[in-house]
PDB file of N, CA and C in Angstrom:
ATOM      1  N   UNK A   1    -201.392 -68.949 -95.275  1.00  0.00           N
ATOM      2  CA  UNK A   1    -201.271 -68.596 -96.934  1.00  0.00           C
ATOM      3  C   UNK A   1    -200.188 -68.483 -96.857  1.00  0.00           C
ATOM      4  N   UNK A   2    -199.287 -68.706 -97.719  1.00  0.00           N
ATOM      5  CA  UNK A   2    -198.213 -69.273 -98.428  1.00  0.00           C
ATOM      6  C   UNK A   2    -197.629 -67.641 -98.691  1.00  0.00           C
ATOM      7  N   UNK A   3    -195.633 -67.574 -98.263  1.00  0.00           N
ATOM      8  CA  UNK A   3    -195.145 -66.294 -98.417  1.00  0.00           C
ATOM      9  C   UNK A   3    -194.249 -65.759 -99.763  1.00  0.00           C
ATOM     10  N   UNK A   4    -193.989 -65.468 -99.537  1.00  0.00           N
ATOM     11  CA  UNK A   4    -193.616 -65.128-101.222  1.00  0.00           C
ATOM     12  C   UNK A   4    -192.034 -64.453-101.387  1.00  0.00           C
ATOM     13  N   UNK A   5    -190.851 -64.886-101.957  1.00  0.00           N
ATOM     14  CA  UNK A   5    -189.678 -65.169-101.243  1.00  0.00           C
ATOM     15  C   UNK A   5    -189.404 -63.279-102.342  1.00  0.00           C
ATOM     16  N   UNK A   6    -189.058 -62.902-101.022  1.00  0.00           N
ATOM     17  CA  UNK A   6    -189.070 -61.015-100.984  1.00  0.00           C
ATOM     18  C   UNK A   6    -187.515 -60.622-100.915  1.00  0.00           C
ATOM     19  N   UNK A   7    -187.154 -58.974-101.828  1.00  0.00           N
ATOM     20  CA  UNK A   7    -185.958 -58.721-102.234  1.00  0.00           C
ATOM     21  C   UNK A   7    -185.784 -58.379-100.838  1.00  0.00           C
ATOM     22  N   UNK A   8    -184.094 -57.933-100.489  1.00  0.00           N
ATOM     23  CA  UNK A   8    -183.388 -57.684 -99.125  1.00  0.00           C
ATOM     24  C   UNK A   8    -183.588 -57.098 -99.378  1.00  0.00           C
ATOM     25  N   UNK A   9    -184.118 -55.486 -98.766  1.00  0.00           N
ATOM     26  CA  UNK A   9    -184.376 -54.355 -98.535  1.00  0.00           C
ATOM     27  C   UNK A   9    -183.466 -53.203 -98.133  1.00  0.00           C
ATOM     28  N   UNK A  10    -182.389 -54.025 -97.773  1.00  0.00           N
ATOM     29  CA  UNK A  10    -181.384 -54.117 -96.980  1.00  0.00           C
ATOM     30  C   UNK A  10    -179.508 -53.332 -98.224  1.00  0.00           C
ATOM     31  N   UNK A  11    -179.884 -54.643 -98.670  1.00  0.00           N
ATOM     32  CA  UNK A  11    -178.764 -54.737 -99.945  1.00  0.00           C
ATOM     33  C   UNK A  11    -179.172 -54.106-101.000  1.00  0.00           C
ATOM     34  N   UNK A  12    -177.904 -52.754-101.249  1.00  0.00           N
ATOM     35  CA  UNK A  12    -177.967 -51.722-102.197  1.00  0.00           C
ATOM     36  C   UNK A  12    -177.011 -51.707-102.887  1.00  0.00           C
ATOM     37  N   UNK A  13    -176.376 -52.886-102.795  1.00  0.00           N
ATOM     38  CA  UNK A  13    -175.251 -53.502-103.118  1.00  0.00           C
ATOM     39  C   UNK A  13    -175.428 -53.599-104.848  1.00  0.00           C
ATOM     40  N   UNK A  14    -176.016 -53.902-105.500  1.00  0.00           N
ATOM     41  CA  UNK A  14    -176.611 -54.116-106.750  1.00  0.00           C
ATOM     42  C   UNK A  14    -176.451 -52.864-107.549  1.00  0.00           C
ATOM     43  N   UNK A  15    -176.820 -51.668-106.922  1.00  0.00           N
ATOM     44  CA  UNK A  15    -177.588 -50.516-107.324  1.00  0.00           C
ATOM     45  C   UNK A  15    -175.545 -49.516-108.337  1.00  0.00           C
ATOM     46  N   UNK A  16    -174.254 -50.482-107.117  1.00  0.00           N
ATOM     47  CA  UNK A  16    -173.566 -49.375-107.995  1.00  0.00           C
ATOM     48  C   UNK A  16    -173.549 -50.913-109.220  1.00  0.00           C
ATOM     49  N   UNK A  17    -173.519 -52.023-109.233  1.00  0.00           N
ATOM     50  CA  UNK A  17    -172.896 -53.025-110.791  1.00  0.00           C
ATOM     51  C   UNK A  17    -173.269 -52.413-112.022  1.00  0.00           C
ATOM     52  N   UNK A  18    -173.041 -51.258-112.441  1.00  0.00           N
ATOM     53  CA  UNK A  18    -173.683 -51.125-113.652  1.00  0.00           C
ATOM     54  C   UNK A  18    -173.728 -52.378-115.048  1.00  0.00           C
ATOM     55  N   UNK A  19    -173.285 -53.129-114.884  1.00  0.00           N
ATOM     56  CA  UNK A  19    -172.732 -54.287-115.784  1.00  0.00           C
ATOM     57  C   UNK A  19    -174.391 -55.012-115.372  1.00  0.00           C
ATOM     58  N   UNK A  20    -174.709 -55.597-114.518  1.00  0.00           N
ATOM     59  CA  UNK A  20    -175.565 -56.635-114.470  1.00  0.00           C
ATOM     60  C   UNK A  20    -176.049 -56.614-112.954  1.00  0.00           C
ATOM     61  N   UNK A  21    -176.995 -55.324-113.473  1.00  0.00           N
ATOM     62  CA  UNK A  21    -177.942 -55.017-111.850  1.00  0.00           C
ATOM     63  C   UNK A  21    -178.216 -55.603-111.288  1.00  0.00           C
ATOM     64  N   UNK A  22    -178.193 -56.555-110.203  1.00  0.00           N
ATOM     65  CA  UNK A  22    -178.924 -58.284-110.008  1.00  0.00           C
ATOM     66  C   UNK A  22    -179.634 -57.506-108.301  1.00  0.00           C
ATOM     67  N   UNK A  23    -180.783 -57.925-108.137  1.00  0.00           N
ATOM     68  CA  UNK A  23    -181.132 -57.682-105.725  1.00  0.00           C
ATOM     69  C   UNK A  23    -181.291 -59.321-106.140  1.00  0.00           C
ATOM     70  N   UNK A  24    -180.404 -59.422-104.233  1.00  0.00           N
ATOM     71  CA  UNK A  24    -180.638 -60.658-104.103  1.00  0.00           C
ATOM     72  C   UNK A  24    -181.581 -60.816-103.190  1.00  0.00           C
ATOM     73  N   UNK A  25    -182.667 -61.711-102.744  1.00  0.00           N
ATOM     74  CA  UNK A  25    -183.635 -61.993-102.080  1.00  0.00           C
ATOM     75  C   UNK A  25    -182.953 -63.099-101.243  1.00  0.00           C
ATOM     76  N   UNK A  26    -184.612 -63.117 -99.659  1.00  0.00           N
ATOM     77  CA  UNK A  26    -183.965 -63.586 -99.052  1.00  0.00           C
ATOM     78  C   UNK A  26    -184.783 -64.038 -98.339  1.00  0.00           C
ATOM     79  N   UNK A  27    -184.754 -64.981 -97.178  1.00  0.00           N
ATOM     80  CA  UNK A  27    -185.813 -65.608 -96.965  1.00  0.00           C
ATOM     81  C   UNK A  27    -185.476 -66.653 -95.524  1.00  0.00           C
ATOM     82  N   UNK A  28    -185.737 -66.513 -94.520  1.00  0.00           N
ATOM     83  CA  UNK A  28    -185.803 -66.817 -92.561  1.00  0.00           C
ATOM     84  C   UNK A  28    -186.319 -67.641 -92.223  1.00  0.00           C
ATOM     85  N   UNK A  29    -186.481 -68.330 -91.855  1.00  0.00           N
ATOM     86  CA  UNK A  29    -187.753 -69.314 -90.642  1.00  0.00           C
ATOM     87  C   UNK A  29    -187.410 -69.795 -90.017  1.00  0.00           C
ATOM     88  N   UNK A  30    -187.994 -70.034 -88.878  1.00  0.00           N
ATOM     89  CA  UNK A  30    -187.769 -72.037 -87.926  1.00  0.00           C
ATOM     90  C   UNK A  30    -188.728 -72.276 -88.276  1.00  0.00           C
ATOM     91  N   UNK A  31    -188.995 -73.867 -88.440  1.00  0.00           N
ATOM     92  CA  UNK A  31    -190.371 -74.509 -88.528  1.00  0.00           C
ATOM     93  C   UNK A  31    -190.358 -75.528 -87.273  1.00  0.00           C
ATOM     94  N   UNK A  32    -190.740 -75.878 -86.351  1.00  0.00           N
ATOM     95  CA  UNK A  32    -190.934 -76.176 -84.960  1.00  0.00           C
ATOM     96  C   UNK A  32    -192.093 -77.802 -85.424  1.00  0.00           C
ATOM     97  N   UNK A  33    -191.524 -78.485 -86.357  1.00  0.00           N
ATOM     98  CA  UNK A  33    -191.918 -80.261 -85.512  1.00  0.00           C
ATOM     99  C   UNK A  33    -193.402 -80.067 -86.583  1.00  0.00           C
ATOM    100  N   UNK A  34    -193.022 -79.250 -87.823  1.00  0.00           N
ATOM    101  CA  UNK A  34    -193.993 -79.039 -88.057  1.00  0.00           C
ATOM    102  C   UNK A  34    -194.308 -79.198 -89.588  1.00  0.00           C
ATOM    103  N   UNK A  35    -195.201 -78.832 -90.547  1.00  0.00           N
ATOM    104  CA  UNK A  35    -194.809 -78.692 -92.032  1.00  0.00           C
ATOM    105  C   UNK A  35    -195.244 -76.969 -92.045  1.00  0.00           C
ATOM    106  N   UNK A  36    -193.859 -76.342 -92.786  1.00  0.00           N
ATOM    107  CA  UNK A  36    -194.202 -74.886 -92.616  1.00  0.00           C
ATOM    108  C   UNK A  36    -194.893 -74.828 -93.918  1.00  0.00           C
ATOM    109  N   UNK A  37    -195.228 -73.424 -93.981  1.00  0.00           N
ATOM    110  CA  UNK A  37    -195.828 -72.763 -95.091  1.00  0.00           C
ATOM    111  C   UNK A  37    -195.115 -71.964 -96.423  1.00  0.00           C
ATOM    112  N   UNK A  38    -196.025 -72.690 -97.734  1.00  0.00           N
ATOM    113  CA  UNK A  38    -194.887 -73.067 -98.729  1.00  0.00           C
ATOM    114  C   UNK A  38    -193.961 -71.413 -99.350  1.00  0.00           C
ATOM    115  N   UNK A  39    -193.335 -71.492 -99.323  1.00  0.00           N
ATOM    116  CA  UNK A  39    -192.458 -70.113-100.412  1.00  0.00           C
ATOM    117  C   UNK A  39    -192.338 -69.883-101.736  1.00  0.00           C
ATOM    118  N   UNK A  40    -193.256 -69.014-102.375  1.00  0.00           N
ATOM    119  CA  UNK A  40    -193.455 -69.237-103.558  1.00  0.00           C
ATOM    120  C   UNK A  40    -191.835 -68.447-103.965  1.00  0.00           C
ATOM    121  N   UNK A  41    -191.566 -68.948-105.723  1.00  0.00           N
ATOM    122  CA  UNK A  41    -190.722 -68.509-105.780  1.00  0.00           C
ATOM    123  C   UNK A  41    -190.389 -67.644-106.973  1.00  0.00           C
ATOM    124  N   UNK A  42    -190.927 -65.918-106.750  1.00  0.00           N
ATOM    125  CA  UNK A  42    -191.100 -65.304-107.859  1.00  0.00           C
ATOM    126  C   UNK A  42    -190.167 -65.281-109.106  1.00  0.00           C
ATOM    127  N   UNK A  43    -190.977 -65.226-110.216  1.00  0.00           N
ATOM    128  CA  UNK A  43    -190.207 -65.855-111.957  1.00  0.00           C
ATOM    129  C   UNK A  43    -189.235 -64.885-111.421  1.00  0.00           C
ATOM    130  N   UNK A  44    -188.632 -65.182-112.991  1.00  0.00           N
ATOM    131  CA  UNK A  44    -187.666 -63.887-113.186  1.00  0.00           C
ATOM    132  C   UNK A  44    -186.283 -64.373-111.801  1.00  0.00           C
ATOM    133  N   UNK A  45    -186.091 -64.822-110.825  1.00  0.00           N
ATOM    134  CA  UNK A  45    -185.883 -65.253-109.783  1.00  0.00           C
ATOM    135  C   UNK A  45    -184.639 -66.220-110.538  1.00  0.00           C
ATOM    136  N   UNK A  46    -183.490 -66.329-110.216  1.00  0.00           N
ATOM    137  CA  UNK A  46    -182.439 -67.178-111.243  1.00  0.00           C
ATOM    138  C   UNK A  46    -182.420 -68.492-109.642  1.00  0.00           C
ATOM    139  N   UNK A  47    -181.331 -69.552-109.497  1.00  0.00           N
ATOM    140  CA  UNK A  47    -180.891 -70.869-109.194  1.00  0.00           C
ATOM    141  C   UNK A  47    -181.362 -69.511-107.165  1.00  0.00           C
ATOM    142  N   UNK A  48    -182.411 -70.598-106.676  1.00  0.00           N
ATOM    143  CA  UNK A  48    -181.809 -70.488-105.020  1.00  0.00           C
ATOM    144  C   UNK A  48    -181.030 -71.251-104.331  1.00  0.00           C
ATOM    145  N   UNK A  49    -180.455 -71.173-103.300  1.00  0.00           N
ATOM    146  CA  UNK A  49    -179.325 -71.260-102.283  1.00  0.00           C
ATOM    147  C   UNK A  49    -180.549 -72.250-101.167  1.00  0.00           C
ATOM    148  N   UNK A  50    -180.973 -72.796-101.029  1.00  0.00           N
ATOM    149  CA  UNK A  50    -181.935 -73.786 -99.696  1.00  0.00           C
ATOM    150  C   UNK A  50    -180.945 -73.998 -98.757  1.00  0.00           C
ATOM    151  N   UNK A  51    -181.510 -74.098 -97.822  1.00  0.00           N
ATOM    152  CA  UNK A  51    -180.870 -75.290 -96.325  1.00  0.00           C
ATOM    153  C   UNK A  51    -181.534 -74.941 -95.107  1.00  0.00           C
ATOM    154  N   UNK A  52    -181.094 -76.410 -94.534  1.00  0.00           N
ATOM    155  CA  UNK A  52    -181.518 -76.403 -93.205  1.00  0.00           C
ATOM    156  C   UNK A  52    -180.781 -76.906 -92.342  1.00  0.00           C
ATOM    157  N   UNK A  53    -181.516 -75.950 -91.020  1.00  0.00           N
ATOM    158  CA  UNK A  53    -180.169 -77.104 -89.992  1.00  0.00           C
ATOM    159  C   UNK A  53    -181.301 -77.064 -88.391  1.00  0.00           C
ATOM    160  N   UNK A  54    -181.501 -79.008 -88.738  1.00  0.00           N
ATOM    161  CA  UNK A  54    -182.333 -78.773 -87.622  1.00  0.00           C
ATOM    162  C   UNK A  54    -181.911 -78.744 -86.655  1.00  0.00           C
ATOM    163  N   UNK A  55    -182.165 -78.280 -84.776  1.00  0.00           N
ATOM    164  CA  UNK A  55    -182.150 -78.782 -83.780  1.00  0.00           C
ATOM    165  C   UNK A  55    -181.378 -79.943 -83.075  1.00  0.00           C
ATOM    166  N   UNK A  56    -182.603 -80.951 -83.752  1.00  0.00           N
ATOM    167  CA  UNK A  56    -182.774 -81.807 -82.990  1.00  0.00           C
ATOM    168  C   UNK A  56    -183.559 -82.959 -84.339  1.00  0.00           C
ATOM    169  N   UNK A  57    -184.369 -83.946 -84.218  1.00  0.00           N
ATOM    170  CA  UNK A  57    -184.476 -84.209 -85.391  1.00  0.00           C
ATOM    171  C   UNK A  57    -184.037 -84.752 -86.748  1.00  0.00           C
ATOM    172  N   UNK A  58    -185.152 -84.768 -87.610  1.00  0.00           N
ATOM    173  CA  UNK A  58    -185.213 -84.325 -88.353  1.00  0.00           C
ATOM    174  C   UNK A  58    -185.828 -83.474 -89.670  1.00  0.00           C
ATOM    175  N   UNK A  59    -185.092 -83.088 -91.413  1.00  0.00           N
ATOM    176  CA  UNK A  59    -186.111 -82.093 -91.693  1.00  0.00           C
ATOM    177  C   UNK A  59    -185.863 -82.474 -92.882  1.00  0.00           C
ATOM    178  N   UNK A  60    -186.535 -82.349 -94.080  1.00  0.00           N
ATOM    179  CA  UNK A  60    -186.312 -82.222 -95.313  1.00  0.00           C
ATOM    180  C   UNK A  60    -186.642 -80.661 -95.849  1.00  0.00           C
ATOM    181  N   UNK A  61    -186.522 -80.962 -97.220  1.00  0.00           N
ATOM    182  CA  UNK A  61    -187.135 -79.535 -98.255  1.00  0.00           C
ATOM    183  C   UNK A  61    -188.478 -80.092 -99.362  1.00  0.00           C
ATOM    184  N   UNK A  62    -189.471 -79.590 -99.684  1.00  0.00           N
ATOM    185  CA  UNK A  62    -189.880 -80.408-100.566  1.00  0.00           C
ATOM    186  C   UNK A  62    -190.473 -78.713-101.100  1.00  0.00           C
ATOM    187  N   UNK A  63    -190.491 -79.025-102.741  1.00  0.00           N
ATOM    188  CA  UNK A  63    -191.224 -78.103-103.756  1.00  0.00           C
ATOM    189  C   UNK A  63    -192.041 -78.473-104.456  1.00  0.00           C
ATOM    190  N   UNK A  64    -193.104 -78.112-105.059  1.00  0.00           N
ATOM    191  CA  UNK A  64    -194.406 -78.131-105.546  1.00  0.00           C
ATOM    192  C   UNK A  64    -194.075 -77.733-107.564  1.00  0.00           C
ATOM    193  N   UNK A  65    -194.670 -78.641-108.190  1.00  0.00           N
ATOM    194  CA  UNK A  65    -194.481 -77.409-109.580  1.00  0.00           C
ATOM    195  C   UNK A  65    -196.369 -77.431-110.098  1.00  0.00           C
ATOM    196  N   UNK A  66    -197.203 -77.306-108.783  1.00  0.00           N
ATOM    197  CA  UNK A  66    -198.522 -77.464-109.474  1.00  0.00           C
ATOM    198  C   UNK A  66    -198.465 -74.732-109.256  1.00  0.00           C
ATOM    199  N   UNK A  67    -199.811 -75.043-109.391  1.00  0.00           N
ATOM    200  CA  UNK A  67    -199.432 -73.653-110.141  1.00  0.00           C
ATOM    201  C   UNK A  67    -199.961 -73.620-109.244  1.00  0.00           C
ATOM    202  N   UNK A  68    -199.715 -71.319-108.969  1.00  0.00           N
ATOM    203  CA  UNK A  68    -199.996 -71.144-107.582  1.00  0.00           C
ATOM    204  C   UNK A  68    -201.790 -71.007-107.160  1.00  0.00           C
ATOM    205  N   UNK A  69    -202.557 -71.618-108.078  1.00  0.00           N
ATOM    206  CA  UNK A  69    -204.335 -71.211-107.402  1.00  0.00           C
ATOM    207  C   UNK A  69    -203.900 -72.484-106.425  1.00  0.00           C
ATOM    208  N   UNK A  70    -202.774 -73.587-106.418  1.00  0.00           N
ATOM    209  CA  UNK A  70    -203.391 -75.127-105.985  1.00  0.00           C
ATOM    210  C   UNK A  70    -202.630 -74.445-104.845  1.00  0.00           C
ATOM    211  N   UNK A  71    -201.068 -74.254-104.734  1.00  0.00           N
ATOM    212  CA  UNK A  71    -200.675 -73.687-103.445  1.00  0.00           C
ATOM    213  C   UNK A  71    -201.184 -72.215-102.645  1.00  0.00           C
ATOM    214  N   UNK A  72    -201.675 -71.785-102.957  1.00  0.00           N
ATOM    215  CA  UNK A  72    -202.562 -70.728-101.870  1.00  0.00           C
ATOM    216  C   UNK A  72    -203.467 -71.505-101.346  1.00  0.00           C
ATOM    217  N   UNK A  73    -204.388 -72.131-102.274  1.00  0.00           N
ATOM    218  CA  UNK A  73    -205.588 -72.784-101.619  1.00  0.00           C
ATOM    219  C   UNK A  73    -205.362 -74.294-100.822  1.00  0.00           C
ATOM    220  N   UNK A  74    -204.049 -74.259-100.384  1.00  0.00           N
ATOM    221  CA  UNK A  74    -203.153 -75.221-100.058  1.00  0.00           C
ATOM    222  C   UNK A  74    -203.615 -77.032-100.810  1.00  0.00           C
ATOM    223  N   UNK A  75    -203.852 -76.993-101.592  1.00  0.00           N
ATOM    224  CA  UNK A  75    -203.581 -78.472-102.377  1.00  0.00           C
ATOM    225  C   UNK A  75    -203.023 -78.722-102.764  1.00  0.00           C
ATOM    226  N   UNK A  76    -201.523 -77.749-102.899  1.00  0.00           N
ATOM    227  CA  UNK A  76    -200.307 -78.133-104.126  1.00  0.00           C
ATOM    228  C   UNK A  76    -199.301 -79.469-103.218  1.00  0.00           C
ATOM    229  N   UNK A  77    -199.340 -80.789-104.284  1.00  0.00           N
ATOM    230  CA  UNK A  77    -198.817 -81.647-103.837  1.00  0.00           C
ATOM    231  C   UNK A  77    -197.082 -81.741-103.722  1.00  0.00           C
ATOM    232  N   UNK A  78    -196.777 -82.251-101.626  1.00  0.00           N
ATOM    233  CA  UNK A  78    -195.321 -81.457-101.628  1.00  0.00           C
ATOM    234  C   UNK A  78    -194.440 -83.355-102.417  1.00  0.00           C
ATOM    235  N   UNK A  79    -193.044 -82.590-103.299  1.00  0.00           N
ATOM    236  CA  UNK A  79    -191.793 -83.865-103.449  1.00  0.00           C
ATOM    237  C   UNK A  79    -190.759 -83.669-102.491  1.00  0.00           C
ATOM    238  N   UNK A  80    -190.486 -84.101-101.850  1.00  0.00           N
ATOM    239  CA  UNK A  80    -188.835 -83.878-101.145  1.00  0.00           C
ATOM    240  C   UNK A  80    -188.064 -83.598-102.121  1.00  0.00           C
ATOM    241  N   UNK A  81    -187.151 -82.859-101.915  1.00  0.00           N
ATOM    242  CA  UNK A  81    -186.095 -82.465-102.560  1.00  0.00           C
ATOM    243  C   UNK A  81    -185.008 -83.908-102.490  1.00  0.00           C
ATOM    244  N   UNK A  82    -183.945 -83.819-103.161  1.00  0.00           N
ATOM    245  CA  UNK A  82    -183.378 -84.836-103.693  1.00  0.00           C
ATOM    246  C   UNK A  82    -182.519 -85.658-102.499  1.00  0.00           C
ATOM    247  N   UNK A  83    -182.002 -85.042-101.360  1.00  0.00           N
ATOM    248  CA  UNK A  83    -181.435 -85.547-100.552  1.00  0.00           C
ATOM    249  C   UNK A  83    -182.267 -86.246 -99.631  1.00  0.00           C
ATOM    250  N   UNK A  84    -182.716 -85.909 -99.734  1.00  0.00           N
ATOM    251  CA  UNK A  84    -184.132 -86.900 -98.170  1.00  0.00           C
ATOM    252  C   UNK A  84    -184.156 -85.834 -97.612  1.00  0.00           C
ATOM    253  N   UNK A  85    -184.427 -86.365 -96.411  1.00  0.00           N
ATOM    254  CA  UNK A  85    -184.394 -86.637 -94.866  1.00  0.00           C
ATOM    255  C   UNK A  85    -183.556 -85.989 -94.712  1.00  0.00           C
ATOM    256  N   UNK A  86    -183.075 -85.275 -93.838  1.00  0.00           N
ATOM    257  CA  UNK A  86    -181.071 -84.727 -93.612  1.00  0.00           C
ATOM    258  C   UNK A  86    -181.289 -84.639 -91.439  1.00  0.00           C
ATOM    259  N   UNK A  87    -180.394 -84.707 -90.440  1.00  0.00           N
ATOM    260  CA  UNK A  87    -180.351 -84.410 -89.609  1.00  0.00           C
ATOM    261  C   UNK A  87    -178.950 -83.167 -89.213  1.00  0.00           C
ATOM    262  N   UNK A  88    -178.646 -82.960 -89.851  1.00  0.00           N
ATOM    263  CA  UNK A  88    -177.736 -81.360 -89.587  1.00  0.00           C
ATOM    264  C   UNK A  88    -177.830 -81.065 -90.851  1.00  0.00           C
ATOM    265  N   UNK A  89    -177.509 -79.873 -90.950  1.00  0.00           N
ATOM    266  CA  UNK A  89    -176.938 -78.528 -91.934  1.00  0.00           C
ATOM    267  C   UNK A  89    -176.679 -79.185 -93.124  1.00  0.00           C
ATOM    268  N   UNK A  90    -177.380 -79.226 -93.938  1.00  0.00           N
ATOM    269  CA  UNK A  90    -177.225 -79.496 -95.119  1.00  0.00           C
ATOM    270  C   UNK A  90    -177.798 -78.062 -95.924  1.00  0.00           C
ATOM    271  N   UNK A  91    -177.475 -77.784 -97.221  1.00  0.00           N
ATOM    272  CA  UNK A  91    -177.849 -77.271 -98.147  1.00  0.00           C
ATOM    273  C   UNK A  91    -177.347 -77.516-100.374  1.00  0.00           C
ATOM    274  N   UNK A  92    -178.277 -76.505-100.817  1.00  0.00           N
ATOM    275  CA  UNK A  92    -178.718 -77.291-101.699  1.00  0.00           C
ATOM    276  C   UNK A  92    -179.191 -75.955-103.061  1.00  0.00           C
ATOM    277  N   UNK A  93    -177.800 -76.140-104.258  1.00  0.00           N
ATOM    278  CA  UNK A  93    -177.890 -75.237-104.858  1.00  0.00           C
ATOM    279  C   UNK A  93    -179.678 -75.513-105.695  1.00  0.00           C
ATOM    280  N   UNK A  94    -180.438 -74.835-105.749  1.00  0.00           N
ATOM    281  CA  UNK A  94    -181.898 -75.657-106.502  1.00  0.00           C
ATOM    282  C   UNK A  94    -182.426 -74.585-108.073  1.00  0.00           C
ATOM    283  N   UNK A  95    -182.027 -75.279-108.997  1.00  0.00           N
ATOM    284  CA  UNK A  95    -183.159 -74.126-109.875  1.00  0.00           C
ATOM    285  C   UNK A  95    -183.883 -73.569-109.743  1.00  0.00           C
ATOM    286  N   UNK A  96    -184.883 -72.755-110.083  1.00  0.00           N
ATOM    287  CA  UNK A  96    -185.204 -71.163-109.839  1.00  0.00           C
ATOM    288  C   UNK A  96    -186.885 -72.502-111.314  1.00  0.00           C
ATOM    289  N   UNK A  97    -186.690 -74.130-111.308  1.00  0.00           N
ATOM    290  CA  UNK A  97    -188.271 -74.430-111.868  1.00  0.00           C
ATOM    291  C   UNK A  97    -189.421 -74.909-111.656  1.00  0.00           C
ATOM    292  N   UNK A  98    -189.706 -74.528-109.891  1.00  0.00           N
ATOM    293  CA  UNK A  98    -190.738 -74.771-109.270  1.00  0.00           C
ATOM    294  C   UNK A  98    -191.553 -73.811-109.348  1.00  0.00           C
ATOM    295  N   UNK A  99    -193.063 -74.178-108.156  1.00  0.00           N
ATOM    296  CA  UNK A  99    -193.687 -73.321-107.875  1.00  0.00           C
ATOM    297  C   UNK A  99    -193.194 -72.022-106.789  1.00  0.00           C
ATOM    298  N   UNK A 100    -192.950 -73.348-105.722  1.00  0.00           N
ATOM    299  CA  UNK A 100    -193.244 -73.032-104.534  1.00  0.00           C
ATOM    300  C   UNK A 100    -191.816 -74.282-103.685  1.00  0.00           C
ATOM    301  N   UNK A 101    -192.082 -73.864-102.389  1.00  0.00           N
ATOM    302  CA  UNK A 101    -191.083 -74.603-101.676  1.00  0.00           C
ATOM    303  C   UNK A 101    -191.316 -74.898-100.067  1.00  0.00           C
ATOM    304  N   UNK A 102    -190.874 -74.912 -99.549  1.00  0.00           N
ATOM    305  CA  UNK A 102    -191.123 -75.514 -97.780  1.00  0.00           C
ATOM    306  C   UNK A 102    -190.235 -76.463 -97.032  1.00  0.00           C
ATOM    307  N   UNK A 103    -190.681 -75.867 -95.949  1.00  0.00           N
ATOM    308  CA  UNK A 103    -189.504 -77.276 -95.010  1.00  0.00           C
ATOM    309  C   UNK A 103    -190.566 -78.013 -94.578  1.00  0.00           C
ATOM    310  N   UNK A 104    -190.292 -79.041 -93.897  1.00  0.00           N
ATOM    311  CA  UNK A 104    -191.127 -80.109 -93.072  1.00  0.00           C
ATOM    312  C   UNK A 104    -189.218 -80.429 -92.045  1.00  0.00           C
ATOM    313  N   UNK A 105    -190.482 -80.200 -90.835  1.00  0.00           N
ATOM    314  CA  UNK A 105    -189.383 -80.771 -89.909  1.00  0.00           C
ATOM    315  C   UNK A 105    -189.574 -81.598 -88.910  1.00  0.00           C
ATOM    316  N   UNK A 106    -189.625 -82.532 -88.539  1.00  0.00           N
ATOM    317  CA  UNK A 106    -190.087 -83.574 -87.243  1.00  0.00           C
ATOM    318  C   UNK A 106    -188.650 -83.974 -86.347  1.00  0.00           C
ATOM    319  N   UNK A 107    -189.439 -83.937 -84.730  1.00  0.00           N
ATOM    320  CA  UNK A 107    -188.772 -83.915 -84.433  1.00  0.00           C
ATOM    321  C   UNK A 107    -187.974 -82.766 -83.831  1.00  0.00           C
ATOM    322  N   UNK A 108    -188.621 -81.317 -83.707  1.00  0.00           N
ATOM    323  CA  UNK A 108    -187.424 -80.635 -83.296  1.00  0.00           C
ATOM    324  C   UNK A 108    -187.683 -79.161 -84.103  1.00  0.00           C
ATOM    325  N   UNK A 109    -186.643 -78.231 -83.647  1.00  0.00           N
ATOM    326  CA  UNK A 109    -186.946 -76.639 -84.794  1.00  0.00           C
ATOM    327  C   UNK A 109    -185.721 -77.111 -85.776  1.00  0.00           C
ATOM    328  N   UNK A 110    -186.390 -76.404 -86.732  1.00  0.00           N
ATOM    329  CA  UNK A 110    -185.253 -76.363 -87.790  1.00  0.00           C
ATOM    330  C   UNK A 110    -184.897 -74.863 -88.536  1.00  0.00           C
ATOM    331  N   UNK A 111    -184.653 -74.692 -88.585  1.00  0.00           N
ATOM    332  CA  UNK A 111    -184.010 -73.190 -88.892  1.00  0.00           C
ATOM    333  C   UNK A 111    -183.609 -73.553 -91.047  1.00  0.00           C
ATOM    334  N   UNK A 112    -184.444 -72.774 -91.326  1.00  0.00           N
ATOM    335  CA  UNK A 112    -184.386 -73.029 -93.761  1.00  0.00           C
ATOM    336  C   UNK A 112    -184.520 -71.860 -94.000  1.00  0.00           C
ATOM    337  N   UNK A 113    -183.846 -70.726 -94.629  1.00  0.00           N
ATOM    338  CA  UNK A 113    -183.456 -69.969 -95.380  1.00  0.00           C
ATOM    339  C   UNK A 113    -182.917 -70.476 -96.932  1.00  0.00           C
ATOM    340  N   UNK A 114    -183.682 -68.872 -97.603  1.00  0.00           N
ATOM    341  CA  UNK A 114    -183.599 -69.451 -98.989  1.00  0.00           C
ATOM    342  C   UNK A 114    -183.163 -68.137 -99.242  1.00  0.00           C
ATOM    343  N   UNK A 115    -181.776 -67.882-100.529  1.00  0.00           N
ATOM    344  CA  UNK A 115    -180.845 -67.149-100.963  1.00  0.00           C
ATOM    345  C   UNK A 115    -181.627 -67.143-102.403  1.00  0.00           C
ATOM    346  N   UNK A 116    -181.051 -65.773-103.248  1.00  0.00           N
ATOM    347  CA  UNK A 116    -181.471 -66.083-104.410  1.00  0.00           C
ATOM    348  C   UNK A 116    -180.277 -64.483-104.588  1.00  0.00           C
TER     349      UNK A 116
END
């Protein structure tokens, strides 16, 4: 079952900003030599900073533009992010114009983080 990018409940700083109240979103997971679960990006969340840090081997981020039903039933097609497979820490600011993203790790454990 896919995850959903969720608000950071401990971040209350946005309550102090009267001009543009904006809640932060965070997701972090370790993917060990596998294809991770899809992370659904909620509508209305702007750009997302995506980072991966392979401890060994290589990793990449995949995204899908398929609909939510395909993500939930496991039939969504993943497309690799623009930097391809990497073997060291890499981050990329991605426009939230996709349905979901995931990490694919080969040869070891990878830390996968998404913030918005």
